[in-house]
Amino acid sequence: MSILQRALTQARTPSVYRFDSRATVEFLRHETDAAGWRLFYLDGAHARDKKSFLDQAARAMDFPDYFGRNWDAFEECVNDLAWAPATGYILLFQAPERLVKNARADWETAIEILSTASENWAEVGVPFYILLRGKIPDEFPSL
């Protein structure tokens, strides 16, 4: 069983996790697609502050054109996802270390919003996992 299968089978409660896998995005996307889930890939190499993070998140999650590029709009979109119907969601946040290092407050806000969205989705029976791959703070458990 691949590490990703721990999420797809919900062997771990939906939440924010460290993702210690070298699998390609294409392989991970294939696995999530086969399960009827949706994988969003956020490349954190270009997310160095709030603005660039929100731009990358909007691109990765295919937010609607009306996305306002602020924290309230981000929170609204990650708690909606009507434009991306699926039985479950995985946000793979690759290389978040640039945001962590350069804009710690923005990092903390983003993770708080994503963590709360995961809880909100769980309340309606839809799993939403946030997987962090790269150099991240030790506070996050491994998937």
Protein backbone atom coordinates (compact mmCIF):
# COMPACT_ATOMS: atom_id res chain seq x y z
CA MET A 1 0.00 0.00 0.00
CA SER A 2 1.37 3.41 -0.95
CA ILE A 3 1.53 6.19 1.62
CA LEU A 4 -1.23 7.99 -0.27
CA GLN A 5 -3.52 5.01 0.24
CA ARG A 6 -3.57 5.87 3.95
CA ALA A 7 -5.57 8.93 2.97
CA LEU A 8 -7.61 7.34 0.21
CA THR A 9 -8.75 4.55 2.54
CA GLN A 10 -9.10 7.06 5.39
CA ALA A 11 -6.79 4.99 7.58
CA ARG A 12 -5.88 8.37 9.09
CA THR A 13 -8.39 11.07 10.00
CA PRO A 14 -8.51 13.86 7.41
CA SER A 15 -6.20 16.67 8.55
CA VAL A 16 -2.81 18.24 7.81
CA TYR A 17 0.05 15.76 7.49
CA ARG A 18 3.70 15.54 6.55
CA PHE A 19 3.88 13.53 3.31
CA ASP A 20 7.13 11.60 3.11
CA SER A 21 6.80 10.17 -0.37
CA ARG A 22 8.84 10.64 -3.52
CA ALA A 23 6.02 9.53 -5.81
CA THR A 24 5.51 11.73 -8.84
CA VAL A 25 2.53 14.04 -9.03
CA GLU A 26 1.34 12.08 -12.07
CA PHE A 27 1.37 8.81 -10.08
CA LEU A 28 -0.44 10.45 -7.16
CA ARG A 29 -3.00 12.00 -9.48
CA HIS A 30 -3.61 8.59 -11.08
CA GLU A 31 -4.22 7.04 -7.63
CA THR A 32 -6.61 9.79 -6.55
CA ASP A 33 -8.48 9.76 -9.86
CA ALA A 34 -8.93 5.98 -9.61
CA ALA A 35 -10.52 6.45 -6.19
CA GLY A 36 -12.89 9.18 -7.46
CA TRP A 37 -11.01 11.82 -5.52
CA ARG A 38 -9.45 15.08 -6.63
CA LEU A 39 -5.77 15.95 -6.18
CA PHE A 40 -4.76 19.59 -6.11
CA TYR A 41 -1.03 20.23 -6.52
CA LEU A 42 0.26 23.47 -5.02
CA ASP A 43 3.88 24.20 -5.90
CA GLY A 44 5.17 26.18 -2.95
CA ALA A 45 8.44 27.05 -4.65
CA HIS A 46 6.70 30.20 -5.89
CA ALA A 47 4.75 30.96 -2.71
CA ARG A 48 6.85 33.39 -0.69
CA ASP A 49 4.12 35.59 0.86
CA LYS A 50 0.35 35.97 1.10
CA LYS A 51 -0.12 37.26 -2.44
CA SER A 52 2.00 34.62 -4.13
CA PHE A 53 0.54 31.86 -1.95
CA LEU A 54 -3.01 32.88 -2.83
CA ASP A 55 -2.10 33.09 -6.53
CA GLN A 56 -0.57 29.59 -6.41
CA ALA A 57 -3.53 28.19 -4.44
CA ALA A 58 -6.03 29.70 -6.88
CA ARG A 59 -4.16 28.15 -9.79
CA ALA A 60 -3.72 24.77 -8.09
CA MET A 61 -7.34 24.48 -6.97
CA ASP A 62 -8.79 26.05 -10.10
CA PHE A 63 -10.67 28.70 -8.12
CA PRO A 64 -13.44 30.55 -9.96
CA ASP A 65 -12.71 33.91 -11.58
CA TYR A 66 -14.51 35.72 -8.79
CA PHE A 67 -11.87 34.61 -6.22
CA GLY A 68 -10.95 37.80 -4.36
CA ARG A 69 -7.31 36.92 -3.52
CA ASN A 70 -7.65 37.56 0.21
CA TRP A 71 -7.91 35.25 3.23
CA ASP A 72 -11.71 35.46 3.45
CA ALA A 73 -12.07 34.49 -0.21
CA PHE A 74 -9.54 31.68 0.22
CA GLU A 75 -11.49 30.34 3.18
CA GLU A 76 -14.74 30.54 1.23
CA CYS A 77 -13.32 28.71 -1.77
CA VAL A 78 -11.65 25.85 0.12
CA ASN A 79 -14.92 25.28 1.97
CA ASP A 80 -16.94 25.21 -1.25
CA LEU A 81 -15.18 23.44 -4.17
CA ALA A 82 -18.50 23.11 -6.05
CA TRP A 83 -16.57 23.58 -9.32
CA ALA A 84 -14.46 20.49 -8.52
CA PRO A 85 -16.88 17.77 -7.40
CA ALA A 86 -15.27 14.64 -5.95
CA THR A 87 -15.81 12.08 -3.22
CA GLY A 88 -12.67 13.31 -1.45
CA TYR A 89 -9.92 15.90 -1.81
CA ILE A 90 -6.17 15.98 -1.35
CA LEU A 91 -4.16 19.18 -1.46
CA LEU A 92 -0.51 18.30 -2.00
CA PHE A 93 1.47 21.35 -0.91
CA GLN A 94 4.95 20.78 -2.30
CA ALA A 95 7.89 22.77 -0.89
CA PRO A 96 6.08 25.02 1.59
CA GLU A 97 9.38 26.00 3.22
CA ARG A 98 9.67 29.27 1.31
CA LEU A 99 6.38 30.52 2.76
CA VAL A 100 7.30 29.20 6.22
CA LYS A 101 10.65 31.03 6.14
CA ASN A 102 9.65 34.31 4.48
CA ALA A 103 6.13 34.88 5.79
CA ARG A 104 5.50 32.84 8.93
CA ALA A 105 2.25 34.65 9.77
CA ASP A 106 0.89 33.97 6.27
CA TRP A 107 1.92 30.31 6.59
CA GLU A 108 0.09 30.03 9.91
CA THR A 109 -3.03 31.67 8.50
CA ALA A 110 -3.04 29.40 5.45
CA ILE A 111 -2.61 26.24 7.56
CA GLU A 112 -5.30 27.34 10.00
CA ILE A 113 -7.78 27.93 7.16
CA LEU A 114 -6.91 24.61 5.50
CA SER A 115 -7.12 22.68 8.76
CA THR A 116 -10.52 24.17 9.54
CA ALA A 117 -11.69 23.38 6.00
CA SER A 118 -10.64 19.77 6.52
CA GLU A 119 -12.78 19.65 9.67
CA ASN A 120 -15.71 21.31 7.90
CA TRP A 121 -15.58 18.85 5.02
CA ALA A 122 -15.43 15.94 7.49
CA GLU A 123 -18.69 17.16 9.05
CA VAL A 124 -20.44 16.56 5.72
CA GLY A 125 -18.72 13.23 5.14
CA VAL A 126 -16.19 14.38 2.55
CA PRO A 127 -12.51 13.78 3.37
CA PHE A 128 -10.10 16.63 2.70
CA TYR A 129 -6.41 16.02 3.40
CA ILE A 130 -3.63 18.57 3.29
CA LEU A 131 -0.31 16.85 2.59
CA LEU A 132 2.89 18.82 3.09
CA ARG A 133 5.94 17.59 1.22
CA GLY A 134 9.32 19.18 1.73
CA LYS A 135 11.01 20.92 4.64
CA ILE A 136 8.23 21.69 7.09
CA PRO A 137 7.91 22.36 10.81
CA ASP A 138 8.07 19.23 12.98
CA GLU A 139 4.63 19.85 14.45
CA PHE A 140 2.89 17.90 11.69
CA PRO A 141 2.61 14.11 11.98
CA SER A 142 3.44 11.87 9.04
CA LEU A 143 0.62 10.41 7.01
